[in-house]
Protein backbone atom coordinates (compact mmCIF):
# COMPACT_ATOMS: atom_id res chain seq x y z
CA MET A 1 -0.09 0.11 -0.22
CA HIS A 2 0.76 3.79 -0.62
CA ASP A 3 -0.13 6.90 0.78
CA GLU A 4 -0.49 8.84 -2.70
CA ARG A 5 -1.44 12.30 -0.86
CA PHE A 6 2.46 12.47 -0.21
CA PRO A 7 4.57 12.82 -3.53
CA THR A 8 7.43 10.59 -3.76
CA LEU A 9 11.19 12.59 -2.92
CA ARG A 10 13.56 12.46 -5.40
CA ARG A 11 15.93 9.86 -4.88
CA ARG A 12 19.45 12.33 -5.79
CA GLY A 13 21.83 11.38 -3.09
CA PHE A 14 21.20 7.56 -2.56
CA LEU A 15 21.89 6.62 -6.21
CA ALA A 16 25.21 7.89 -6.08
CA ALA A 17 26.28 6.16 -3.35
CA THR A 18 24.24 2.48 -3.40
CA GLY A 19 23.19 2.29 -6.34
CA ALA A 20 19.32 1.68 -8.30
CA VAL A 21 19.72 -1.43 -6.50
CA THR A 22 19.56 -0.88 -3.17
CA LEU A 23 17.55 2.42 -3.86
CA GLY A 24 14.68 -0.19 -4.95
CA THR A 25 14.02 -0.82 -1.51
CA LEU A 26 13.55 3.00 -0.42
CA ALA A 27 9.57 4.25 -0.89
CA LEU A 28 10.49 7.80 0.48
CA THR A 29 7.57 9.84 0.51
CA GLY A 30 6.45 12.98 2.17
CA CYS A 31 8.82 16.00 4.22
CA GLY A 32 9.63 16.12 7.67
CA GLY A 33 9.25 19.65 9.68
CA GLY A 34 13.17 20.13 8.05
CA GLY A 35 15.52 18.42 6.54
CA ALA A 36 19.42 18.07 7.72
CA ASP A 37 20.36 21.16 6.62
CA SER A 38 17.48 23.72 8.81
CA GLU A 39 18.96 25.18 10.97
CA ALA A 40 17.96 24.17 14.36
CA SER A 41 17.80 26.77 17.50
CA GLY A 42 20.16 25.70 20.37
CA GLY A 43 17.83 27.09 22.52
CA ASP A 44 14.69 25.19 21.42
CA ASP A 45 13.94 22.62 23.29
CA LYS A 46 10.29 22.70 24.20
CA PRO A 47 8.16 20.22 22.12
CA LYS A 48 6.74 21.54 19.04
CA ARG A 49 4.01 19.81 17.52
CA GLY A 50 3.90 18.86 13.94
CA GLY A 51 5.61 17.61 11.21
CA ARG A 52 6.21 13.98 9.54
CA LEU A 53 9.66 12.15 10.92
CA ARG A 54 10.88 9.81 8.56
CA ALA A 55 13.47 7.21 10.08
CA ALA A 56 15.51 4.91 8.65
CA PHE A 57 16.25 1.06 9.35
CA ALA A 58 17.32 -2.33 8.01
CA GLY A 59 14.23 -4.24 7.60
CA GLY A 60 13.34 -7.77 6.65
CA GLY A 61 12.58 -7.85 3.02
CA ALA A 62 8.94 -8.54 1.14
CA SER A 63 8.61 -10.64 4.13
CA GLU A 64 7.60 -8.21 6.76
CA THR A 65 4.23 -7.97 8.69
CA LEU A 66 3.01 -5.87 11.22
CA ASP A 67 1.88 -8.71 13.01
CA PRO A 68 3.18 -7.53 16.58
CA HIS A 69 3.75 -10.89 17.70
CA LEU A 70 6.11 -11.62 14.69
CA ALA A 71 8.14 -8.65 15.64
CA ASN A 72 11.75 -10.07 15.40
CA LEU A 73 14.22 -7.30 13.73
CA PHE A 74 14.94 -3.92 15.45
CA ALA A 75 12.85 -2.07 12.38
CA ASP A 76 9.78 -4.80 13.48
CA VAL A 77 10.05 -3.98 17.45
CA ALA A 78 10.12 0.00 16.21
CA ARG A 79 6.83 -0.20 14.12
CA ALA A 80 5.01 -2.43 16.80
CA LYS A 81 5.79 -0.27 19.56
CA ALA A 82 4.60 3.05 17.41
CA LEU A 83 1.23 0.72 17.00
CA TYR A 84 0.56 -1.04 19.92
CA ASP A 85 1.16 -1.31 23.26
CA LYS A 86 2.24 -3.72 26.34
CA LEU A 87 1.20 -3.88 29.76
CA ALA A 88 4.74 -3.34 30.77
CA ASP A 89 8.36 -2.24 29.42
CA TYR A 90 11.69 -2.35 30.16
CA GLY A 91 13.31 1.36 32.23
CA ALA A 92 16.71 2.10 31.23
CA ASP A 93 17.40 -0.16 34.28
CA LEU A 94 16.04 -3.35 32.51
CA SER A 95 12.95 -2.85 35.36
CA ALA A 96 9.16 -3.14 34.59
CA ARG A 97 7.68 -0.24 34.19
CA PRO A 98 3.61 -0.19 33.56
CA ARG A 99 2.21 0.69 30.74
CA LEU A 100 -1.41 -0.85 30.15
CA ALA A 101 -1.14 -2.16 33.02
CA ALA A 102 -1.49 0.81 36.08
CA LYS A 103 -0.26 -1.57 38.65
CA TRP A 104 0.33 -5.18 39.82
CA GLU A 105 0.26 -7.53 43.27
CA SER A 106 0.63 -10.77 43.94
CA ASN A 107 -0.30 -12.93 46.22
CA LYS A 108 1.73 -14.34 49.13
CA THR A 109 3.07 -17.32 47.52
CA LEU A 110 3.47 -15.73 44.32
CA ASP A 111 1.40 -17.78 42.12
CA ARG A 112 -1.44 -15.63 41.83
CA TRP A 113 -0.84 -11.93 40.20
CA GLN A 114 -3.55 -9.18 40.33
CA VAL A 115 -3.37 -6.74 37.38
CA THR A 116 -5.22 -3.54 36.88
CA LEU A 117 -5.89 -2.20 33.39
CA ARG A 118 -5.10 1.68 33.45
CA GLU A 119 -8.08 3.29 30.82
CA ALA A 120 -6.87 3.15 27.05
CA THR A 121 -8.60 2.70 23.97
CA PHE A 122 -7.37 1.03 20.78
CA HIS A 123 -7.38 3.65 17.36
CA ASP A 124 -11.08 2.02 16.59
CA GLY A 125 -12.19 3.85 19.83
CA LYS A 126 -13.02 0.69 21.88
CA PRO A 127 -11.47 0.19 25.31
CA VAL A 128 -8.59 -2.29 26.23
CA THR A 129 -10.45 -5.00 27.97
CA ALA A 130 -9.33 -7.41 30.14
CA GLN A 131 -10.64 -9.91 27.55
CA ASP A 132 -8.40 -8.28 25.14
CA VAL A 133 -5.50 -9.28 26.94
CA LEU A 134 -6.06 -12.74 27.78
CA TYR A 135 -6.88 -13.35 23.90
CA SER A 136 -3.63 -11.49 23.19
CA TYR A 137 -1.59 -13.48 25.46
CA ARG A 138 -3.36 -17.15 24.39
CA ARG A 139 -2.35 -16.36 20.72
CA ILE A 140 1.14 -15.71 21.76
CA ALA A 141 0.68 -19.20 23.71
CA ASP A 142 -0.14 -20.70 20.75
CA PRO A 143 1.44 -24.25 20.59
CA GLU A 144 0.87 -24.24 16.63
CA LYS A 145 2.82 -21.68 16.43
CA ALA A 146 6.19 -19.69 17.44
CA PHE A 147 5.59 -15.84 18.12
CA ARG A 148 8.88 -14.63 19.73
CA ALA A 149 6.85 -14.11 23.67
CA LYS A 150 5.56 -17.98 23.75
CA ALA A 151 8.53 -18.77 26.44
CA SER A 152 8.66 -15.62 28.04
CA LEU A 153 4.76 -16.36 28.86
CA GLU A 154 5.34 -19.96 29.74
CA PRO A 155 4.68 -19.55 33.37
CA ILE A 156 1.45 -18.30 32.70
CA ASP A 157 -1.27 -21.02 33.00
CA LEU A 158 -3.85 -18.59 30.70
CA ASP A 159 -6.22 -22.00 30.89
CA ALA A 160 -7.07 -20.79 34.58
CA SER A 161 -6.47 -17.09 34.57
CA ARG A 162 -9.37 -14.71 33.95
CA ALA A 163 -10.48 -11.76 33.82
CA THR A 164 -12.07 -10.18 36.93
CA GLY A 165 -13.54 -7.11 35.90
CA GLU A 166 -13.71 -4.99 32.62
CA ARG A 167 -10.04 -3.57 33.38
CA SER A 168 -8.82 -6.50 35.96
CA ILE A 169 -7.27 -10.12 35.20
CA GLU A 170 -6.18 -12.27 37.80
CA PHE A 171 -3.10 -14.48 36.59
CA VAL A 172 -3.05 -18.00 37.87
CA LEU A 173 0.26 -19.13 37.49
CA LYS A 174 1.91 -22.43 37.07
CA ARG A 175 4.36 -22.02 39.69
CA PRO A 176 5.72 -19.06 41.94
CA THR A 177 7.09 -16.31 40.09
CA ALA A 178 9.23 -13.48 41.64
CA GLU A 179 9.64 -11.69 38.47
CA PHE A 180 6.29 -11.67 36.49
CA PRO A 181 6.28 -8.18 35.61
CA ASN A 182 9.16 -9.07 33.47
CA VAL A 183 6.48 -11.15 31.74
CA LEU A 184 4.21 -8.69 31.17
CA ALA A 185 7.45 -6.63 29.94
CA ALA A 186 8.41 -9.63 27.26
CA PHE A 187 9.95 -9.04 24.12
CA GLY A 188 6.91 -9.02 21.92
CA ALA A 189 4.35 -9.69 23.38
CA TYR A 190 2.22 -6.86 23.07
CA ILE A 191 -1.92 -6.54 23.45
CA VAL A 192 -4.14 -6.91 20.48
CA PRO A 193 -7.57 -6.59 20.03
CA GLU A 194 -9.87 -10.06 20.73
CA ASN A 195 -9.88 -12.03 17.56
CA ALA A 196 -7.87 -9.85 15.72
CA GLY A 197 -5.56 -12.02 13.76
CA ASP A 198 -8.74 -14.11 12.40
CA LYS A 199 -8.44 -12.92 8.97
CA ALA A 200 -5.70 -13.04 7.03
CA GLY A 201 -3.25 -10.32 6.10
CA GLU A 202 -5.35 -8.52 8.67
CA PHE A 203 -2.04 -6.52 10.63
CA ASP A 204 -0.75 -5.68 7.30
CA LYS A 205 -3.46 -4.44 5.63
CA LYS A 206 -5.54 -2.44 8.53
CA PRO A 207 -3.99 -2.94 12.25
CA VAL A 208 -5.73 -1.91 15.44
CA GLY A 209 -3.44 -1.11 18.21
CA SER A 210 -3.73 1.15 21.28
CA GLY A 211 -0.14 2.62 20.60
CA PRO A 212 0.70 6.27 20.05
CA PHE A 213 0.56 6.27 15.80
CA ARG A 214 -2.31 5.05 14.10
CA PHE A 215 -2.17 2.75 11.07
CA VAL A 216 -1.93 4.72 7.43
CA SER A 217 -0.31 2.30 4.94
CA PHE A 218 1.96 -0.40 4.53
CA SER A 219 4.11 -1.84 1.91
CA PRO A 220 6.38 -4.40 3.34
CA GLY A 221 10.28 -3.86 2.53
CA ARG A 222 9.55 -0.49 1.58
CA SER A 223 7.79 1.91 4.11
CA ALA A 224 5.04 2.45 7.03
CA VAL A 225 3.33 5.17 7.09
CA PHE A 226 1.49 6.32 10.89
CA ARG A 227 -0.37 8.91 12.16
CA ARG A 228 -0.57 10.80 15.75
CA TYR A 229 -3.15 9.26 17.46
CA ASP A 230 -5.14 11.81 19.64
CA ASP A 231 -6.50 9.88 22.23
CA HIS A 232 -3.45 7.76 23.54
CA TRP A 233 -3.39 7.29 27.31
CA ASP A 234 0.23 8.61 27.53
CA GLY A 235 -1.10 11.68 25.71
CA ALA A 236 -0.38 12.52 21.60
CA PRO A 237 2.30 12.19 19.80
CA HIS A 238 4.59 15.56 19.06
CA LEU A 239 4.55 14.48 15.64
CA ASP A 240 1.88 14.36 12.86
CA GLU A 241 3.16 11.43 10.94
CA LEU A 242 5.86 9.03 11.24
CA GLU A 243 7.31 7.49 8.35
CA PHE A 244 9.57 3.85 8.68
CA VAL A 245 11.59 3.83 5.63
CA VAL A 246 13.88 0.54 4.31
CA ALA A 247 17.14 1.06 4.02
CA ASN A 248 19.39 -1.98 4.83
CA GLU A 249 22.93 -1.07 2.99
CA GLU A 250 23.79 1.93 5.80
CA SER A 251 25.51 3.92 3.46
CA ALA A 252 22.15 4.52 2.36
CA ARG A 253 21.09 5.26 5.72
CA VAL A 254 23.59 7.76 6.17
CA ASN A 255 23.56 9.43 2.63
CA ALA A 256 19.81 9.79 3.43
CA LEU A 257 19.98 11.34 6.99
CA LEU A 258 22.82 13.52 4.86
CA GLY A 259 20.79 14.38 2.01
CA GLY A 260 17.10 15.49 4.01
CA GLN A 261 15.67 12.42 3.08
CA VAL A 262 15.31 11.06 6.54
CA GLU A 263 15.19 12.98 9.78
CA TYR A 264 17.03 9.95 11.84
CA ALA A 265 19.10 6.56 10.48
CA HIS A 266 18.71 3.61 13.20
CA GLU A 267 22.24 1.82 13.61
CA LEU A 268 25.61 3.47 12.23
CA ASN A 269 29.05 1.84 11.47
CA PRO A 270 31.59 3.25 14.32
CA THR A 271 33.51 4.14 11.81
CA THR A 272 30.44 6.64 10.38
CA ALA A 273 30.06 8.07 13.59
CA ARG A 274 33.29 9.38 14.42
CA ALA A 275 33.53 11.05 10.64
CA HIS A 276 30.38 12.77 11.72
CA GLU A 277 30.76 13.61 15.19
CA GLY A 278 30.84 17.50 16.70
CA LYS A 279 31.31 18.22 12.64
CA GLY A 280 27.57 20.07 12.58
CA GLN A 281 25.85 18.37 10.03
CA ILE A 282 23.92 15.52 11.46
CA GLU A 283 23.65 14.52 15.50
CA ILE A 284 25.45 11.16 16.59
CA VAL A 285 23.89 9.65 19.46
CA ARG A 286 25.49 6.65 21.44
CA LEU A 287 23.55 4.16 23.45
CA ARG A 288 26.24 2.77 25.69
CA GLY A 289 27.37 -0.72 25.81
CA SER A 290 23.85 -1.64 24.22
CA ALA A 291 24.37 -4.45 21.97
CA MET A 292 25.59 -7.71 22.92
CA GLN A 293 28.22 -9.03 20.28
CA ALA A 294 28.96 -12.81 19.77
CA PHE A 295 29.35 -15.75 17.71
CA CYS A 296 26.87 -18.46 18.20
CA MET A 297 27.96 -22.41 18.74
CA LYS A 298 25.27 -24.82 17.75
CA THR A 299 25.72 -27.34 20.47
CA ASP A 300 23.88 -30.08 19.30
CA ARG A 301 25.80 -31.04 16.24
CA ALA A 302 29.32 -31.52 15.64
CA PRO A 303 31.83 -29.88 16.32
CA PHE A 304 30.64 -27.24 19.41
CA ASP A 305 28.53 -31.01 20.89
CA ASP A 306 31.90 -31.45 22.42
CA LYS A 307 32.24 -28.90 25.23
CA ARG A 308 35.76 -29.27 24.88
CA VAL A 309 35.72 -27.36 21.38
CA ARG A 310 33.58 -25.00 22.81
CA GLU A 311 36.03 -23.83 25.41
CA ALA A 312 38.64 -23.89 22.75
CA PHE A 313 36.82 -21.43 21.12
CA PHE A 314 36.26 -19.18 24.17
CA LEU A 315 39.87 -19.03 24.34
CA ILE A 316 40.92 -18.74 21.19
CA ALA A 317 38.99 -14.95 20.95
CA ASP A 318 41.07 -11.93 21.82
CA ARG A 319 38.33 -9.77 22.77
CA GLN A 320 40.14 -6.37 22.68
CA GLU A 321 41.42 -6.93 19.31
CA LEU A 322 38.28 -7.70 18.10
CA VAL A 323 36.08 -4.76 20.26
CA ASP A 324 39.08 -2.73 18.67
CA GLY A 325 38.75 -4.12 15.17
CA ALA A 326 35.22 -5.09 14.75
CA LEU A 327 33.84 -2.08 16.52
CA SER A 328 36.42 0.45 16.62
CA GLY A 329 36.67 0.73 20.21
CA ALA A 330 32.58 1.82 20.48
CA GLY A 331 32.04 -1.20 23.09
CA VAL A 332 33.63 -2.79 26.06
CA VAL A 333 34.77 -6.50 26.23
CA GLY A 334 32.25 -9.16 27.33
CA ASN A 335 33.05 -12.30 29.25
CA ASP A 336 30.76 -15.11 27.38
CA LEU A 337 27.46 -14.19 29.57
CA PHE A 338 25.33 -11.91 28.87
CA GLY A 339 23.71 -8.69 30.60
CA LYS A 340 27.22 -6.82 31.49
CA GLY A 341 26.35 -4.40 34.29
CA TYR A 342 22.55 -5.86 34.33
CA GLU A 343 20.91 -7.20 37.13
CA TYR A 344 21.98 -10.66 38.20
CA TYR A 345 25.08 -10.57 36.25
CA ALA A 346 28.22 -12.68 37.37
CA ALA A 347 30.58 -9.88 37.28
CA ASP A 348 32.71 -11.91 39.78
CA LEU A 349 33.72 -14.73 37.15
CA PRO A 350 37.11 -13.82 36.17
CA GLN A 351 37.56 -11.61 33.06
CA ARG A 352 38.24 -14.73 30.14
CA GLU A 353 41.75 -14.05 27.70
CA GLN A 354 43.12 -15.82 24.78
CA ASP A 355 45.01 -18.51 25.85
CA LEU A 356 46.02 -20.13 22.54
CA ASP A 357 48.02 -23.06 24.25
CA ARG A 358 45.36 -24.62 26.15
CA ALA A 359 42.51 -23.94 23.11
CA ARG A 360 44.77 -26.43 20.91
CA ALA A 361 45.51 -28.94 23.63
CA LEU A 362 41.51 -28.91 24.11
CA LEU A 363 41.40 -29.33 20.57
CA LYS A 364 43.66 -32.48 20.66
CA GLN A 365 41.88 -34.12 23.96
CA ALA A 366 39.03 -33.73 21.66
CA GLY A 367 40.27 -35.01 18.19
CA ALA A 368 39.94 -31.62 15.96
CA GLU A 369 43.45 -30.92 16.28
CA LYS A 370 42.97 -29.61 12.35
CA LEU A 371 39.90 -28.36 12.82
CA LYS A 372 37.46 -26.58 9.80
CA VAL A 373 34.39 -25.23 10.74
CA THR A 374 31.94 -22.45 8.28
CA LEU A 375 31.26 -18.89 10.11
CA ASP A 376 28.01 -17.72 8.80
CA THR A 377 28.18 -13.88 8.45
CA SER A 378 26.68 -10.79 7.06
CA ASP A 379 26.66 -7.04 6.63
CA VAL A 380 23.17 -7.17 8.53
CA ALA A 381 24.52 -5.55 11.19
CA ALA A 382 27.84 -3.26 11.91
CA GLY A 383 30.57 -4.69 12.88
CA PHE A 384 29.44 -8.93 11.99
CA THR A 385 31.98 -9.17 8.71
CA GLU A 386 35.20 -7.03 10.55
CA ALA A 387 34.64 -9.94 13.13
CA ALA A 388 34.48 -12.56 11.28
CA SER A 389 37.54 -12.02 9.38
CA ILE A 390 39.25 -10.94 12.69
CA PHE A 391 38.45 -14.11 14.52
CA ARG A 392 39.32 -15.98 11.09
CA ASP A 393 43.09 -15.21 11.46
CA GLN A 394 42.98 -15.70 15.61
CA ALA A 395 41.38 -19.32 15.11
CA ALA A 396 44.46 -19.69 12.08
CA LYS A 397 47.04 -19.44 15.02
CA ALA A 398 45.38 -22.36 16.85
CA GLY A 399 45.29 -24.40 13.93
CA VAL A 400 41.51 -23.95 12.93
CA THR A 401 40.45 -23.06 9.80
CA VAL A 402 37.34 -20.83 9.50
CA ASP A 403 35.70 -20.38 5.96
CA VAL A 404 33.52 -17.13 6.61
CA LYS A 405 30.23 -17.33 4.62
CA MET A 406 28.31 -14.61 3.71
CA GLY A 407 24.52 -14.60 3.83
CA SER A 408 21.76 -12.37 2.87
CA LYS A 409 21.11 -9.24 4.69
CA ASP A 410 17.15 -10.33 4.05
CA SER A 411 16.85 -13.89 5.29
CA TYR A 412 20.47 -13.94 7.52
CA TRP A 413 19.01 -14.03 10.98
CA ALA A 414 15.95 -16.78 9.78
CA ASP A 415 18.84 -18.70 8.40
CA ILE A 416 21.46 -19.14 11.19
CA LEU A 417 18.45 -19.84 13.45
CA ASP A 418 18.56 -23.35 12.41
CA GLY A 419 20.95 -23.86 9.88
CA GLY A 420 24.96 -23.94 10.52
CA THR A 421 27.30 -24.90 13.06
CA LEU A 422 28.75 -21.32 13.85
CA ALA A 423 27.36 -17.80 12.88
CA CYS A 424 27.76 -13.93 14.49
CA TYR A 425 25.20 -12.87 16.56
CA ARG A 426 23.58 -9.55 18.73
CA SER A 427 21.33 -9.11 20.87
CA GLY A 428 19.66 -6.07 22.12
CA ALA A 429 18.88 -5.15 25.93
CA MET A 430 16.28 -7.34 27.51
CA PRO A 431 16.77 -8.35 31.57
CA ILE A 432 18.93 -11.97 32.36
CA GLU A 433 16.68 -13.51 32.88
CA ALA A 434 14.36 -12.78 29.54
CA HIS A 435 17.57 -13.69 27.96
CA ILE A 436 17.80 -16.72 29.69
CA SER A 437 13.67 -17.60 28.84
CA GLN A 438 13.67 -16.66 25.18
CA ARG A 439 17.52 -18.51 24.01
CA LEU A 440 18.31 -20.79 26.64
CA LEU A 441 15.18 -22.83 27.63
CA ILE A 442 14.30 -26.24 25.98
CA ASP A 443 10.86 -24.78 24.26
CA SER A 444 12.69 -21.65 24.11
CA THR A 445 11.36 -20.34 20.68
CA THR A 446 14.89 -18.21 19.85
CA ASN A 447 17.20 -20.69 21.10
CA ALA A 448 20.19 -20.20 18.57
CA THR A 449 22.72 -22.08 20.07
CA LYS A 450 20.30 -25.10 20.74
CA TRP A 451 21.51 -25.60 24.09
CA LYS A 452 18.85 -28.09 25.72
CA HIS A 453 19.26 -29.13 29.35
CA LYS A 454 16.75 -30.03 31.13
CA ASP A 455 18.59 -29.16 34.88
CA PHE A 456 19.14 -26.13 33.25
CA ASP A 457 15.56 -25.35 32.73
CA ALA A 458 14.55 -26.50 36.45
CA LEU A 459 17.47 -23.84 37.53
CA TYR A 460 15.72 -21.34 35.78
CA GLN A 461 12.17 -22.38 37.32
CA GLN A 462 13.74 -22.44 40.87
CA ALA A 463 15.17 -18.58 40.26
CA GLN A 464 11.67 -17.59 39.16
CA SER A 465 10.34 -19.34 42.21
CA THR A 466 12.85 -17.97 44.91
CA ARG A 467 11.23 -15.00 46.48
CA ASP A 468 14.40 -13.43 48.66
CA LYS A 469 16.24 -11.68 45.96
CA THR A 470 20.12 -12.82 47.10
CA GLU A 471 18.92 -16.22 47.35
CA ARG A 472 17.50 -15.63 43.36
CA ALA A 473 20.62 -14.07 42.67
CA ALA A 474 22.77 -17.13 43.94
CA VAL A 475 20.86 -19.58 41.89
CA TYR A 476 20.93 -17.39 38.63
CA GLU A 477 25.00 -16.96 39.42
CA ARG A 478 25.26 -20.88 39.11
CA MET A 479 23.58 -21.07 35.81
CA GLN A 480 25.61 -18.17 34.78
CA ARG A 481 28.89 -20.37 35.93
CA ARG A 482 27.62 -22.93 33.66
CA LEU A 483 26.91 -20.64 30.62
CA TYR A 484 30.54 -19.28 31.33
CA THR A 485 32.59 -22.52 31.32
CA GLU A 486 30.08 -25.00 28.83
CA GLY A 487 27.81 -22.65 27.26
CA GLY A 488 26.88 -21.82 23.45
CA PHE A 489 27.50 -18.04 23.22
CA LEU A 490 30.94 -16.83 22.89
CA ILE A 491 30.32 -13.35 23.92
CA TRP A 492 33.36 -11.00 23.34
CA GLY A 493 31.79 -7.47 23.76
CA PHE A 494 29.40 -4.99 24.02
CA ALA A 495 29.11 -2.66 21.30
CA ASP A 496 27.91 1.32 21.55
CA TRP A 497 24.20 1.50 19.86
CA ILE A 498 24.66 4.66 17.45
CA LEU A 499 22.02 6.43 15.95
CA GLY A 500 22.03 9.23 13.72
CA THR A 501 19.72 12.18 13.43
CA ALA A 502 18.93 15.43 11.69
CA ARG A 503 20.04 18.78 13.44
CA ASN A 504 16.20 19.74 14.03
CA VAL A 505 15.00 16.69 15.77
CA ARG A 506 14.81 16.59 19.99
CA GLY A 507 13.89 13.88 22.25
CA VAL A 508 15.52 11.18 21.24
CA GLU A 509 16.51 9.80 24.77
CA ALA A 510 20.45 9.12 24.86
CA LYS A 511 20.32 6.83 28.22
CA ALA A 512 17.76 3.62 26.71
CA PRO A 513 19.60 0.72 25.47
CA ALA A 514 18.11 -0.96 22.58
CA ASN A 515 14.85 -2.86 22.97
CA THR A 516 13.86 -1.19 26.11
CA LEU A 517 10.87 1.71 26.52
CA ASP A 518 12.64 4.94 25.67
CA TRP A 519 14.25 3.78 22.31
CA ALA A 520 12.89 4.25 19.07
CA ARG A 521 10.38 6.26 21.18
CA PHE A 522 9.26 7.67 18.42
CA ASP A 523 5.53 9.71 20.13
CA LYS A 524 8.23 11.86 22.57
CA VAL A 525 10.22 13.04 19.79
CA TRP A 526 9.97 16.34 18.55
CA LEU A 527 11.14 18.83 14.88
CA ALA A 528 12.09 22.11 15.89
């Protein structure tokens, strides 16, 4: 679909930088409240209403959908949070913050939680009710589907849970769960109207949510246009309209920003940021240490079904060289654990250093002295191809031959979820327990390392059921010690998440890690 009331912008600047093939993925329409050349008033920090902001993201090609329960890429999530809302979302500190839920409280045994909804309406004027919430969660939990939030909602007994009023729900849990608010904030757990999605293509043709923007048009792999929802419970956005445009090449996003064709460019490379930071033409926003950077080893197949090989790869990595080379220093080293600096992170484990002699010895013990392995990568994310090349050279010093294989930007994430043995991987922010529930349990729908252990799942359930926070932290530490020793994520760094904006853009939060509430929070952005 295309909104014909807004004529297509000329694409000069894109063609020179990226060629006509790349431009075929772009549908830049309309005009914002001023381009990158606009003179922004230094003291003009009072929100101003009006204008269209155009935001360029890498996308997922023609298979893109606005079904919020299928949101996976950052572009999907940014569109979903503009159209929809969750009961809760993660603050900058990764704690659950109320959204559609005004409050929540548990019984003494932590196995029943009462959630009270705030007064909110969908874009068609109908109120958001307890029945909408239960329908949304039951849709996500459908055993025939693979919705992202399914594993996070697993603690809820949805058959026993019930509406206790139009805006109140009693969630009955399968076991005591101390951190149930994190379930409400789970990645992808958006609330949709009851029976939404029953008709084929409904979410892409006329989606109805309760978010700050309402639907205008959508062309998969190209563009989505949304308009301010004046009756949003959290106040109407400052912008009149918001357009998401797909530009998979970082150079296309940068040149669109420089040329005034977009006002917001998501995910810039560190080298690009350095080239433009402080030069006055565009603004660079750094979300520090926001993105986990890793190599993902499939633990269910050779050669990584042998934990000695996995440990050898942990010891092959020179993490500082990877941060310096792949991220141009825009980040910090990792220690093979997710969530550095977050609550429950096992910070006391010794920082792992490169030890090629020990790596060779482990490979010899495993009968893999002249190991050859394919490393899947793609320029789908900043630093991926550089990290693959650097690690290939590091592995060679341990006698390992790494064949770097380039994948498609459009299908990379789907391809590596089940295929291959070793792949470049990254993640935005989420609580450590959410990372575990979505990626490391037997039933996790995005278990890229194929880490499946009943005793590990049992520890997760024990942590969830432990009321005392100190005791709960001790269980999470046990789990992380095991991942540190024999897990499938070689987490070598945490990168700054880098955004670019036109000089007239205001209200972009600089302390919100990717995936948190205030990241891509376009309802709070305005054009000066």
